[in-house]
Amino acid sequence: MMTKLESDRLAKLLQLHAAEPLDGFVLYALAQECQKLGRFEEAVDWYDRTIAADPASCYAYFHKAKSLESCGRKAEVAAVLRAGLARARALKDNKAANEIESYLDDCE
C-alpha cells in the first residue's frame, strides 16, 4: 500500500506528464517512482518511454534492466544492458558505460 506522500508524488508526476508527455525528465521520474514502489512492470514501460523520448538517457537502460530483473524477466536483462552500453559509448558517457558494463558482467 502506498503512503500518502508516495501517492501525492506519483499523482504530481502524472500531472506533469499530462502537460508534457514527451519530457524525458518526467518520464524518467515516473519510471523511478514506479520502481521504488515495486511496480516493476510499470517501471519498465516508463523506462521504454524515457528511452524513446530521450535516447541520451543511458541510465534508463540500467534501471530498466534492474526492473526487468525484479519482475522475473531475467532473459531480457543482458540485451537491454548491451543496448544501453552501446548508447553510452556512442555518447561518450564513460561513467554510465562503466556502470552498465559492470552490471552486464555480473549478469553474464
PDB file of N, CA and C in Angstrom:
ATOM      1  N   MET A   1       0.838  -1.186   0.000  1.00  0.00           N
ATOM      2  CA  MET A   1       0.000   0.000   0.000  1.00  0.00           C
ATOM      3  C   MET A   1       0.884   1.252   0.000  1.00  0.00           C
ATOM      4  N   MET A   2       0.504   2.200  -0.816  1.00  0.00           N
ATOM      5  CA  MET A   2       1.261   3.449  -0.914  1.00  0.00           C
ATOM      6  C   MET A   2       0.932   4.376   0.246  1.00  0.00           C
ATOM      7  N   THR A   3       1.954   5.080   0.686  1.00  0.00           N
ATOM      8  CA  THR A   3       1.722   6.131   1.673  1.00  0.00           C
ATOM      9  C   THR A   3       1.108   7.335   0.958  1.00  0.00           C
ATOM     10  N   LYS A   4       0.585   8.268   1.721  1.00  0.00           N
ATOM     11  CA  LYS A   4       0.012   9.480   1.127  1.00  0.00           C
ATOM     12  C   LYS A   4       1.080  10.252   0.360  1.00  0.00           C
ATOM     13  N   LEU A   5       2.277  10.331   0.915  1.00  0.00           N
ATOM     14  CA  LEU A   5       3.366  11.038   0.248  1.00  0.00           C
ATOM     15  C   LEU A   5       3.697  10.390  -1.097  1.00  0.00           C
ATOM     16  N   GLU A   6       3.783   9.061  -1.114  1.00  0.00           N
ATOM     17  CA  GLU A   6       4.063   8.353  -2.368  1.00  0.00           C
ATOM     18  C   GLU A   6       2.943   8.568  -3.371  1.00  0.00           C
ATOM     19  N   SER A   7       1.714   8.506  -2.895  1.00  0.00           N
ATOM     20  CA  SER A   7       0.556   8.718  -3.752  1.00  0.00           C
ATOM     21  C   SER A   7       0.549  10.137  -4.321  1.00  0.00           C
ATOM     22  N   ASP A   8       0.836  11.106  -3.471  1.00  0.00           N
ATOM     23  CA  ASP A   8       0.878  12.507  -3.914  1.00  0.00           C
ATOM     24  C   ASP A   8       1.987  12.727  -4.938  1.00  0.00           C
ATOM     25  N   ARG A   9       3.144  12.123  -4.679  1.00  0.00           N
ATOM     26  CA  ARG A   9       4.285  12.277  -5.581  1.00  0.00           C
ATOM     27  C   ARG A   9       3.961  11.674  -6.952  1.00  0.00           C
ATOM     28  N   LEU A  10       3.376  10.483  -6.957  1.00  0.00           N
ATOM     29  CA  LEU A  10       3.006   9.839  -8.211  1.00  0.00           C
ATOM     30  C   LEU A  10       1.943  10.658  -8.939  1.00  0.00           C
ATOM     31  N   ALA A  11       0.956  11.161  -8.216  1.00  0.00           N
ATOM     32  CA  ALA A  11      -0.094  11.983  -8.828  1.00  0.00           C
ATOM     33  C   ALA A  11       0.492  13.242  -9.457  1.00  0.00           C
ATOM     34  N   LYS A  12       1.421  13.881  -8.766  1.00  0.00           N
ATOM     35  CA  LYS A  12       2.057  15.097  -9.293  1.00  0.00           C
ATOM     36  C   LYS A  12       2.852  14.782 -10.558  1.00  0.00           C
ATOM     37  N   LEU A  13       3.577  13.683 -10.546  1.00  0.00           N
ATOM     38  CA  LEU A  13       4.341  13.292 -11.734  1.00  0.00           C
ATOM     39  C   LEU A  13       3.412  12.997 -12.913  1.00  0.00           C
ATOM     40  N   LEU A  14       2.288  12.361 -12.635  1.00  0.00           N
ATOM     41  CA  LEU A  14       1.325  12.079 -13.707  1.00  0.00           C
ATOM     42  C   LEU A  14       0.722  13.370 -14.258  1.00  0.00           C
ATOM     43  N   GLN A  15       0.511  14.366 -13.398  1.00  0.00           N
ATOM     44  CA  GLN A  15       0.037  15.676 -13.869  1.00  0.00           C
ATOM     45  C   GLN A  15       1.084  16.330 -14.771  1.00  0.00           C
ATOM     46  N   LEU A  16       2.331  16.265 -14.348  1.00  0.00           N
ATOM     47  CA  LEU A  16       3.411  16.826 -15.173  1.00  0.00           C
ATOM     48  C   LEU A  16       3.491  16.111 -16.516  1.00  0.00           C
ATOM     49  N   HIS A  17       3.319  14.796 -16.475  1.00  0.00           N
ATOM     50  CA  HIS A  17       3.352  14.018 -17.714  1.00  0.00           C
ATOM     51  C   HIS A  17       2.204  14.407 -18.644  1.00  0.00           C
ATOM     52  N   ALA A  18       1.029  14.646 -18.081  1.00  0.00           N
ATOM     53  CA  ALA A  18      -0.118  15.053 -18.899  1.00  0.00           C
ATOM     54  C   ALA A  18       0.161  16.376 -19.603  1.00  0.00           C
ATOM     55  N   ALA A  19       0.874  17.265 -18.924  1.00  0.00           N
ATOM     56  CA  ALA A  19       1.197  18.573 -19.505  1.00  0.00           C
ATOM     57  C   ALA A  19       2.342  18.485 -20.508  1.00  0.00           C
ATOM     58  N   GLU A  20       3.290  17.602 -20.269  1.00  0.00           N
ATOM     59  CA  GLU A  20       4.481  17.457 -21.126  1.00  0.00           C
ATOM     60  C   GLU A  20       4.753  15.971 -21.367  1.00  0.00           C
ATOM     61  N   PRO A  21       3.973  15.328 -22.234  1.00  0.00           N
ATOM     62  CA  PRO A  21       4.071  13.872 -22.385  1.00  0.00           C
ATOM     63  C   PRO A  21       5.398  13.349 -22.942  1.00  0.00           C
ATOM     64  N   LEU A  22       6.187  14.204 -23.554  1.00  0.00           N
ATOM     65  CA  LEU A  22       7.464  13.753 -24.111  1.00  0.00           C
ATOM     66  C   LEU A  22       8.672  14.258 -23.330  1.00  0.00           C
ATOM     67  N   ASP A  23       8.443  14.793 -22.152  1.00  0.00           N
ATOM     68  CA  ASP A  23       9.538  15.297 -21.328  1.00  0.00           C
ATOM     69  C   ASP A  23      10.297  14.111 -20.724  1.00  0.00           C
ATOM     70  N   GLY A  24      11.527  13.922 -21.180  1.00  0.00           N
ATOM     71  CA  GLY A  24      12.335  12.796 -20.726  1.00  0.00           C
ATOM     72  C   GLY A  24      12.560  12.774 -19.227  1.00  0.00           C
ATOM     73  N   PHE A  25      12.717  13.951 -18.622  1.00  0.00           N
ATOM     74  CA  PHE A  25      12.926  14.020 -17.175  1.00  0.00           C
ATOM     75  C   PHE A  25      11.704  13.502 -16.425  1.00  0.00           C
ATOM     76  N   VAL A  26      10.518  13.909 -16.864  1.00  0.00           N
ATOM     77  CA  VAL A  26       9.282  13.474 -16.203  1.00  0.00           C
ATOM     78  C   VAL A  26       9.075  11.973 -16.408  1.00  0.00           C
ATOM     79  N   LEU A  27       9.328  11.501 -17.615  1.00  0.00           N
ATOM     80  CA  LEU A  27       9.185  10.072 -17.894  1.00  0.00           C
ATOM     81  C   LEU A  27      10.121   9.247 -17.007  1.00  0.00           C
ATOM     82  N   TYR A  28      11.365   9.708 -16.903  1.00  0.00           N
ATOM     83  CA  TYR A  28      12.350   9.011 -16.068  1.00  0.00           C
ATOM     84  C   TYR A  28      11.932   9.055 -14.594  1.00  0.00           C
ATOM     85  N   ALA A  29      11.427  10.190 -14.147  1.00  0.00           N
ATOM     86  CA  ALA A  29      10.971  10.313 -12.758  1.00  0.00           C
ATOM     87  C   ALA A  29       9.803   9.366 -12.483  1.00  0.00           C
ATOM     88  N   LEU A  30       8.894   9.227 -13.440  1.00  0.00           N
ATOM     89  CA  LEU A  30       7.785   8.283 -13.280  1.00  0.00           C
ATOM     90  C   LEU A  30       8.305   6.850 -13.201  1.00  0.00           C
ATOM     91  N   ALA A  31       9.268   6.526 -14.041  1.00  0.00           N
ATOM     92  CA  ALA A  31       9.857   5.184 -14.013  1.00  0.00           C
ATOM     93  C   ALA A  31      10.509   4.911 -12.663  1.00  0.00           C
ATOM     94  N   GLN A  32      11.277   5.880 -12.180  1.00  0.00           N
ATOM     95  CA  GLN A  32      11.957   5.728 -10.894  1.00  0.00           C
ATOM     96  C   GLN A  32      10.949   5.568  -9.752  1.00  0.00           C
ATOM     97  N   GLU A  33       9.889   6.351  -9.800  1.00  0.00           N
ATOM     98  CA  GLU A  33       8.870   6.279  -8.748  1.00  0.00           C
ATOM     99  C   GLU A  33       8.193   4.910  -8.757  1.00  0.00           C
ATOM    100  N   CYS A  34       7.837   4.422  -9.938  1.00  0.00           N
ATOM    101  CA  CYS A  34       7.210   3.096 -10.027  1.00  0.00           C
ATOM    102  C   CYS A  34       8.164   2.012  -9.540  1.00  0.00           C
ATOM    103  N   GLN A  35       9.436   2.138  -9.912  1.00  0.00           N
ATOM    104  CA  GLN A  35      10.421   1.154  -9.463  1.00  0.00           C
ATOM    105  C   GLN A  35      10.525   1.170  -7.936  1.00  0.00           C
ATOM    106  N   LYS A  36      10.581   2.355  -7.368  1.00  0.00           N
ATOM    107  CA  LYS A  36      10.683   2.495  -5.914  1.00  0.00           C
ATOM    108  C   LYS A  36       9.467   1.887  -5.212  1.00  0.00           C
ATOM    109  N   LEU A  37       8.309   1.977  -5.850  1.00  0.00           N
ATOM    110  CA  LEU A  37       7.072   1.444  -5.272  1.00  0.00           C
ATOM    111  C   LEU A  37       6.908  -0.057  -5.512  1.00  0.00           C
ATOM    112  N   GLY A  38       7.876  -0.663  -6.221  1.00  0.00           N
ATOM    113  CA  GLY A  38       7.786  -2.089  -6.512  1.00  0.00           C
ATOM    114  C   GLY A  38       6.862  -2.410  -7.670  1.00  0.00           C
ATOM    115  N   ARG A  39       6.526  -1.415  -8.450  1.00  0.00           N
ATOM    116  CA  ARG A  39       5.650  -1.591  -9.616  1.00  0.00           C
ATOM    117  C   ARG A  39       6.548  -1.738 -10.846  1.00  0.00           C
ATOM    118  N   PHE A  40       7.244  -2.875 -10.902  1.00  0.00           N
ATOM    119  CA  PHE A  40       8.328  -3.061 -11.858  1.00  0.00           C
ATOM    120  C   PHE A  40       7.876  -3.117 -13.316  1.00  0.00           C
ATOM    121  N   GLU A  41       6.753  -3.755 -13.588  1.00  0.00           N
ATOM    122  CA  GLU A  41       6.260  -3.802 -14.976  1.00  0.00           C
ATOM    123  C   GLU A  41       5.940  -2.390 -15.467  1.00  0.00           C
ATOM    124  N   GLU A  42       5.309  -1.589 -14.622  1.00  0.00           N
ATOM    125  CA  GLU A  42       5.026  -0.198 -14.986  1.00  0.00           C
ATOM    126  C   GLU A  42       6.322   0.581 -15.171  1.00  0.00           C
ATOM    127  N   ALA A  43       7.285   0.320 -14.308  1.00  0.00           N
ATOM    128  CA  ALA A  43       8.578   0.999 -14.423  1.00  0.00           C
ATOM    129  C   ALA A  43       9.223   0.690 -15.768  1.00  0.00           C
ATOM    130  N   VAL A  44       9.177  -0.565 -16.186  1.00  0.00           N
ATOM    131  CA  VAL A  44       9.752  -0.950 -17.484  1.00  0.00           C
ATOM    132  C   VAL A  44       9.101  -0.140 -18.601  1.00  0.00           C
ATOM    133  N   ASP A  45       7.788  -0.022 -18.552  1.00  0.00           N
ATOM    134  CA  ASP A  45       7.072   0.759 -19.569  1.00  0.00           C
ATOM    135  C   ASP A  45       7.518   2.215 -19.565  1.00  0.00           C
ATOM    136  N   TRP A  46       7.653   2.816 -18.390  1.00  0.00           N
ATOM    137  CA  TRP A  46       8.093   4.215 -18.312  1.00  0.00           C
ATOM    138  C   TRP A  46       9.542   4.364 -18.765  1.00  0.00           C
ATOM    139  N   TYR A  47      10.391   3.379 -18.461  1.00  0.00           N
ATOM    140  CA  TYR A  47      11.775   3.450 -18.961  1.00  0.00           C
ATOM    141  C   TYR A  47      11.797   3.359 -20.483  1.00  0.00           C
ATOM    142  N   ASP A  48      10.948   2.509 -21.056  1.00  0.00           N
ATOM    143  CA  ASP A  48      10.863   2.441 -22.524  1.00  0.00           C
ATOM    144  C   ASP A  48      10.458   3.792 -23.109  1.00  0.00           C
ATOM    145  N   ARG A  49       9.496   4.423 -22.480  1.00  0.00           N
ATOM    146  CA  ARG A  49       9.060   5.743 -22.949  1.00  0.00           C
ATOM    147  C   ARG A  49      10.174   6.775 -22.795  1.00  0.00           C
ATOM    148  N   THR A  50      10.925   6.671 -21.707  1.00  0.00           N
ATOM    149  CA  THR A  50      12.054   7.582 -21.490  1.00  0.00           C
ATOM    150  C   THR A  50      13.076   7.430 -22.603  1.00  0.00           C
ATOM    151  N   ILE A  51      13.433   6.199 -22.911  1.00  0.00           N
ATOM    152  CA  ILE A  51      14.433   5.923 -23.946  1.00  0.00           C
ATOM    153  C   ILE A  51      13.953   6.429 -25.297  1.00  0.00           C
ATOM    154  N   ALA A  52      12.677   6.251 -25.589  1.00  0.00           N
ATOM    155  CA  ALA A  52      12.134   6.734 -26.869  1.00  0.00           C
ATOM    156  C   ALA A  52      12.163   8.259 -26.945  1.00  0.00           C
ATOM    157  N   ALA A  53      11.838   8.918 -25.843  1.00  0.00           N
ATOM    158  CA  ALA A  53      11.779  10.387 -25.832  1.00  0.00           C
ATOM    159  C   ALA A  53      13.155  11.028 -25.698  1.00  0.00           C
ATOM    160  N   ASP A  54      14.055  10.352 -24.998  1.00  0.00           N
ATOM    161  CA  ASP A  54      15.382  10.911 -24.724  1.00  0.00           C
ATOM    162  C   ASP A  54      16.431   9.811 -24.854  1.00  0.00           C
ATOM    163  N   PRO A  55      16.858   9.522 -26.092  1.00  0.00           N
ATOM    164  CA  PRO A  55      17.812   8.434 -26.315  1.00  0.00           C
ATOM    165  C   PRO A  55      19.145   8.612 -25.579  1.00  0.00           C
ATOM    166  N   ALA A  56      19.437   9.818 -25.109  1.00  0.00           N
ATOM    167  CA  ALA A  56      20.680  10.054 -24.370  1.00  0.00           C
ATOM    168  C   ALA A  56      20.567   9.665 -22.896  1.00  0.00           C
ATOM    169  N   SER A  57      19.418   9.193 -22.479  1.00  0.00           N
ATOM    170  CA  SER A  57      19.206   8.819 -21.079  1.00  0.00           C
ATOM    171  C   SER A  57      19.745   7.406 -20.832  1.00  0.00           C
ATOM    172  N   CYS A  58      21.056   7.301 -20.726  1.00  0.00           N
ATOM    173  CA  CYS A  58      21.715   5.995 -20.594  1.00  0.00           C
ATOM    174  C   CYS A  58      21.299   5.244 -19.336  1.00  0.00           C
ATOM    175  N   TYR A  59      21.075   5.973 -18.271  1.00  0.00           N
ATOM    176  CA  TYR A  59      20.709   5.297 -17.023  1.00  0.00           C
ATOM    177  C   TYR A  59      19.310   4.693 -17.083  1.00  0.00           C
ATOM    178  N   ALA A  60      18.497   5.109 -18.033  1.00  0.00           N
ATOM    179  CA  ALA A  60      17.190   4.473 -18.201  1.00  0.00           C
ATOM    180  C   ALA A  60      17.370   3.005 -18.576  1.00  0.00           C
ATOM    181  N   TYR A  61      18.396   2.704 -19.361  1.00  0.00           N
ATOM    182  CA  TYR A  61      18.678   1.312 -19.718  1.00  0.00           C
ATOM    183  C   TYR A  61      19.075   0.518 -18.469  1.00  0.00           C
ATOM    184  N   PHE A  62      19.956   1.096 -17.676  1.00  0.00           N
ATOM    185  CA  PHE A  62      20.433   0.440 -16.457  1.00  0.00           C
ATOM    186  C   PHE A  62      19.260   0.108 -15.536  1.00  0.00           C
ATOM    187  N   HIS A  63      18.426   1.100 -15.269  1.00  0.00           N
ATOM    188  CA  HIS A  63      17.325   0.889 -14.331  1.00  0.00           C
ATOM    189  C   HIS A  63      16.203   0.058 -14.940  1.00  0.00           C
ATOM    190  N   LYS A  64      16.043   0.120 -16.256  1.00  0.00           N
ATOM    191  CA  LYS A  64      15.087  -0.780 -16.909  1.00  0.00           C
ATOM    192  C   LYS A  64      15.526  -2.222 -16.679  1.00  0.00           C
ATOM    193  N   ALA A  65      16.819  -2.483 -16.827  1.00  0.00           N
ATOM    194  CA  ALA A  65      17.339  -3.833 -16.594  1.00  0.00           C
ATOM    195  C   ALA A  65      17.090  -4.270 -15.152  1.00  0.00           C
ATOM    196  N   LYS A  66      17.288  -3.368 -14.202  1.00  0.00           N
ATOM    197  CA  LYS A  66      17.025  -3.691 -12.788  1.00  0.00           C
ATOM    198  C   LYS A  66      15.550  -4.041 -12.577  1.00  0.00           C
ATOM    199  N   SER A  67      14.661  -3.279 -13.210  1.00  0.00           N
ATOM    200  CA  SER A  67      13.226  -3.555 -13.078  1.00  0.00           C
ATOM    201  C   SER A  67      12.862  -4.879 -13.734  1.00  0.00           C
ATOM    202  N   LEU A  68      13.443  -5.145 -14.901  1.00  0.00           N
ATOM    203  CA  LEU A  68      13.195  -6.431 -15.558  1.00  0.00           C
ATOM    204  C   LEU A  68      13.626  -7.587 -14.660  1.00  0.00           C
ATOM    205  N   GLU A  69      14.793  -7.441 -14.066  1.00  0.00           N
ATOM    206  CA  GLU A  69      15.299  -8.475 -13.164  1.00  0.00           C
ATOM    207  C   GLU A  69      14.354  -8.651 -11.972  1.00  0.00           C
ATOM    208  N   SER A  70      13.873  -7.555 -11.433  1.00  0.00           N
ATOM    209  CA  SER A  70      12.992  -7.606 -10.262  1.00  0.00           C
ATOM    210  C   SER A  70      11.647  -8.240 -10.556  1.00  0.00           C
ATOM    211  N   CYS A  71      11.187  -8.165 -11.792  1.00  0.00           N
ATOM    212  CA  CYS A  71       9.888  -8.778 -12.106  1.00  0.00           C
ATOM    213  C   CYS A  71      10.055 -10.127 -12.803  1.00  0.00           C
ATOM    214  N   GLY A  72      11.267 -10.695 -12.706  1.00  0.00           N
ATOM    215  CA  GLY A  72      11.474 -12.054 -13.185  1.00  0.00           C
ATOM    216  C   GLY A  72      11.721 -12.198 -14.670  1.00  0.00           C
ATOM    217  N   ARG A  73      12.002 -11.117 -15.357  1.00  0.00           N
ATOM    218  CA  ARG A  73      12.229 -11.168 -16.806  1.00  0.00           C
ATOM    219  C   ARG A  73      13.735 -11.130 -17.097  1.00  0.00           C
ATOM    220  N   LYS A  74      14.465 -12.034 -16.439  1.00  0.00           N
ATOM    221  CA  LYS A  74      15.928 -12.030 -16.488  1.00  0.00           C
ATOM    222  C   LYS A  74      16.482 -12.284 -17.882  1.00  0.00           C
ATOM    223  N   ALA A  75      15.745 -12.988 -18.723  1.00  0.00           N
ATOM    224  CA  ALA A  75      16.225 -13.281 -20.076  1.00  0.00           C
ATOM    225  C   ALA A  75      16.402 -12.007 -20.901  1.00  0.00           C
ATOM    226  N   GLU A  76      15.720 -10.937 -20.534  1.00  0.00           N
ATOM    227  CA  GLU A  76      15.784  -9.684 -21.290  1.00  0.00           C
ATOM    228  C   GLU A  76      16.859  -8.722 -20.791  1.00  0.00           C
ATOM    229  N   VAL A  77      17.387  -8.978 -19.619  1.00  0.00           N
ATOM    230  CA  VAL A  77      18.288  -8.031 -18.963  1.00  0.00           C
ATOM    231  C   VAL A  77      19.545  -7.759 -19.777  1.00  0.00           C
ATOM    232  N   ALA A  78      20.242  -8.794 -20.222  1.00  0.00           N
ATOM    233  CA  ALA A  78      21.516  -8.608 -20.933  1.00  0.00           C
ATOM    234  C   ALA A  78      21.329  -7.811 -22.218  1.00  0.00           C
ATOM    235  N   ALA A  79      20.264  -8.070 -22.956  1.00  0.00           N
ATOM    236  CA  ALA A  79      20.027  -7.340 -24.209  1.00  0.00           C
ATOM    237  C   ALA A  79      19.812  -5.852 -23.941  1.00  0.00           C
ATOM    238  N   VAL A  80      19.076  -5.539 -22.895  1.00  0.00           N
ATOM    239  CA  VAL A  80      18.844  -4.134 -22.531  1.00  0.00           C
ATOM    240  C   VAL A  80      20.159  -3.478 -22.132  1.00  0.00           C
ATOM    241  N   LEU A  81      20.958  -4.179 -21.352  1.00  0.00           N
ATOM    242  CA  LEU A  81      22.244  -3.625 -20.928  1.00  0.00           C
ATOM    243  C   LEU A  81      23.185  -3.424 -22.112  1.00  0.00           C
ATOM    244  N   ARG A  82      23.194  -4.364 -23.051  1.00  0.00           N
ATOM    245  CA  ARG A  82      24.042  -4.194 -24.241  1.00  0.00           C
ATOM    246  C   ARG A  82      23.618  -2.967 -25.043  1.00  0.00           C
ATOM    247  N   ALA A  83      22.320  -2.770 -25.185  1.00  0.00           N
ATOM    248  CA  ALA A  83      21.824  -1.587 -25.905  1.00  0.00           C
ATOM    249  C   ALA A  83      22.218  -0.312 -25.162  1.00  0.00           C
ATOM    250  N   GLY A  84      22.101  -0.321 -23.854  1.00  0.00           N
ATOM    251  CA  GLY A  84      22.489   0.838 -23.054  1.00  0.00           C
ATOM    252  C   GLY A  84      23.978   1.103 -23.117  1.00  0.00           C
ATOM    253  N   LEU A  85      24.771   0.049 -23.121  1.00  0.00           N
ATOM    254  CA  LEU A  85      26.221   0.194 -23.215  1.00  0.00           C
ATOM    255  C   LEU A  85      26.608   0.796 -24.559  1.00  0.00           C
ATOM    256  N   ALA A  86      25.983   0.321 -25.627  1.00  0.00           N
ATOM    257  CA  ALA A  86      26.254   0.880 -26.957  1.00  0.00           C
ATOM    258  C   ALA A  86      25.882   2.359 -27.007  1.00  0.00           C
ATOM    259  N   ARG A  87      24.752   2.706 -26.430  1.00  0.00           N
ATOM    260  CA  ARG A  87      24.307   4.101 -26.412  1.00  0.00           C
ATOM    261  C   ARG A  87      25.275   4.956 -25.592  1.00  0.00           C
ATOM    262  N   ALA A  88      25.667   4.486 -24.427  1.00  0.00           N
ATOM    263  CA  ALA A  88      26.589   5.244 -23.567  1.00  0.00           C
ATOM    264  C   ALA A  88      27.932   5.454 -24.258  1.00  0.00           C
ATOM    265  N   ARG A  89      28.423   4.422 -24.918  1.00  0.00           N
ATOM    266  CA  ARG A  89      29.699   4.560 -25.633  1.00  0.00           C
ATOM    267  C   ARG A  89      29.575   5.538 -26.786  1.00  0.00           C
ATOM    268  N   ALA A  90      28.460   5.466 -27.513  1.00  0.00           N
ATOM    269  CA  ALA A  90      28.246   6.387 -28.641  1.00  0.00           C
ATOM    270  C   ALA A  90      28.202   7.837 -28.162  1.00  0.00           C
ATOM    271  N   LEU A  91      27.655   8.040 -26.982  1.00  0.00           N
ATOM    272  CA  LEU A  91      27.553   9.384 -26.408  1.00  0.00           C
ATOM    273  C   LEU A  91      28.798   9.783 -25.617  1.00  0.00           C
ATOM    274  N   LYS A  92      29.746   8.854 -25.526  1.00  0.00           N
ATOM    275  CA  LYS A  92      30.974   9.075 -24.746  1.00  0.00           C
ATOM    276  C   LYS A  92      30.673   9.375 -23.272  1.00  0.00           C
ATOM    277  N   ASP A  93      29.637   8.726 -22.771  1.00  0.00           N
ATOM    278  CA  ASP A  93      29.272   8.836 -21.357  1.00  0.00           C
ATOM    279  C   ASP A  93      29.985   7.696 -20.626  1.00  0.00           C
ATOM    280  N   ASN A  94      31.232   7.943 -20.267  1.00  0.00           N
ATOM    281  CA  ASN A  94      32.065   6.891 -19.688  1.00  0.00           C
ATOM    282  C   ASN A  94      31.561   6.394 -18.341  1.00  0.00           C
ATOM    283  N   LYS A  95      31.020   7.285 -17.538  1.00  0.00           N
ATOM    284  CA  LYS A  95      30.502   6.868 -16.226  1.00  0.00           C
ATOM    285  C   LYS A  95      29.353   5.880 -16.400  1.00  0.00           C
ATOM    286  N   ALA A  96      28.397   6.230 -17.252  1.00  0.00           N
ATOM    287  CA  ALA A  96      27.266   5.328 -17.497  1.00  0.00           C
ATOM    288  C   ALA A  96      27.750   4.029 -18.128  1.00  0.00           C
ATOM    289  N   ALA A  97      28.662   4.129 -19.091  1.00  0.00           N
ATOM    290  CA  ALA A  97      29.181   2.931 -19.759  1.00  0.00           C
ATOM    291  C   ALA A  97      29.830   1.988 -18.750  1.00  0.00           C
ATOM    292  N   ASN A  98      30.621   2.531 -17.836  1.00  0.00           N
ATOM    293  CA  ASN A  98      31.289   1.691 -16.838  1.00  0.00           C
ATOM    294  C   ASN A  98      30.287   1.008 -15.915  1.00  0.00           C
ATOM    295  N   GLU A  99      29.266   1.741 -15.486  1.00  0.00           N
ATOM    296  CA  GLU A  99      28.270   1.154 -14.588  1.00  0.00           C
ATOM    297  C   GLU A  99      27.436   0.094 -15.298  1.00  0.00           C
ATOM    298  N   ILE A 100      27.056   0.380 -16.533  1.00  0.00           N
ATOM    299  CA  ILE A 100      26.273  -0.594 -17.300  1.00  0.00           C
ATOM    300  C   ILE A 100      27.113  -1.836 -17.578  1.00  0.00           C
ATOM    301  N   GLU A 101      28.372  -1.627 -17.958  1.00  0.00           N
ATOM    302  CA  GLU A 101      29.253  -2.759 -18.252  1.00  0.00           C
ATOM    303  C   GLU A 101      29.477  -3.626 -17.005  1.00  0.00           C
ATOM    304  N   SER A 102      29.628  -3.005 -15.865  1.00  0.00           N
ATOM    305  CA  SER A 102      29.803  -3.752 -14.618  1.00  0.00           C
ATOM    306  C   SER A 102      28.569  -4.605 -14.316  1.00  0.00           C
ATOM    307  N   TYR A 103      27.396  -4.031 -14.496  1.00  0.00           N
ATOM    308  CA  TYR A 103      26.149  -4.773 -14.275  1.00  0.00           C
ATOM    309  C   TYR A 103      26.043  -5.914 -15.280  1.00  0.00           C
ATOM    310  N   LEU A 104      26.400  -5.647 -16.529  1.00  0.00           N
ATOM    311  CA  LEU A 104      26.364  -6.681 -17.566  1.00  0.00           C
ATOM    312  C   LEU A 104      27.316  -7.822 -17.211  1.00  0.00           C
ATOM    313  N   ASP A 105      28.506  -7.494 -16.751  1.00  0.00           N
ATOM    314  CA  ASP A 105      29.471  -8.524 -16.344  1.00  0.00           C
ATOM    315  C   ASP A 105      28.900  -9.394 -15.226  1.00  0.00           C
ATOM    316  N   ASP A 106      28.189  -8.777 -14.299  1.00  0.00           N
ATOM    317  CA  ASP A 106      27.575  -9.529 -13.201  1.00  0.00           C
ATOM    318  C   ASP A 106      26.474 -10.465 -13.695  1.00  0.00           C
ATOM    319  N   CYS A 107      25.838 -10.097 -14.802  1.00  0.00           N
ATOM    320  CA  CYS A 107      24.728 -10.893 -15.339  1.00  0.00           C
ATOM    321  C   CYS A 107      25.201 -12.080 -16.173  1.00  0.00           C
ATOM    322  N   GLU A 108      26.383 -11.942 -16.738  1.00  0.00           N
ATOM    323  CA  GLU A 108      26.848 -12.987 -17.665  1.00  0.00           C
ATOM    324  C   GLU A 108      27.787 -13.976 -17.022  1.00  0.00           C
TER     325      GLU A 108
END
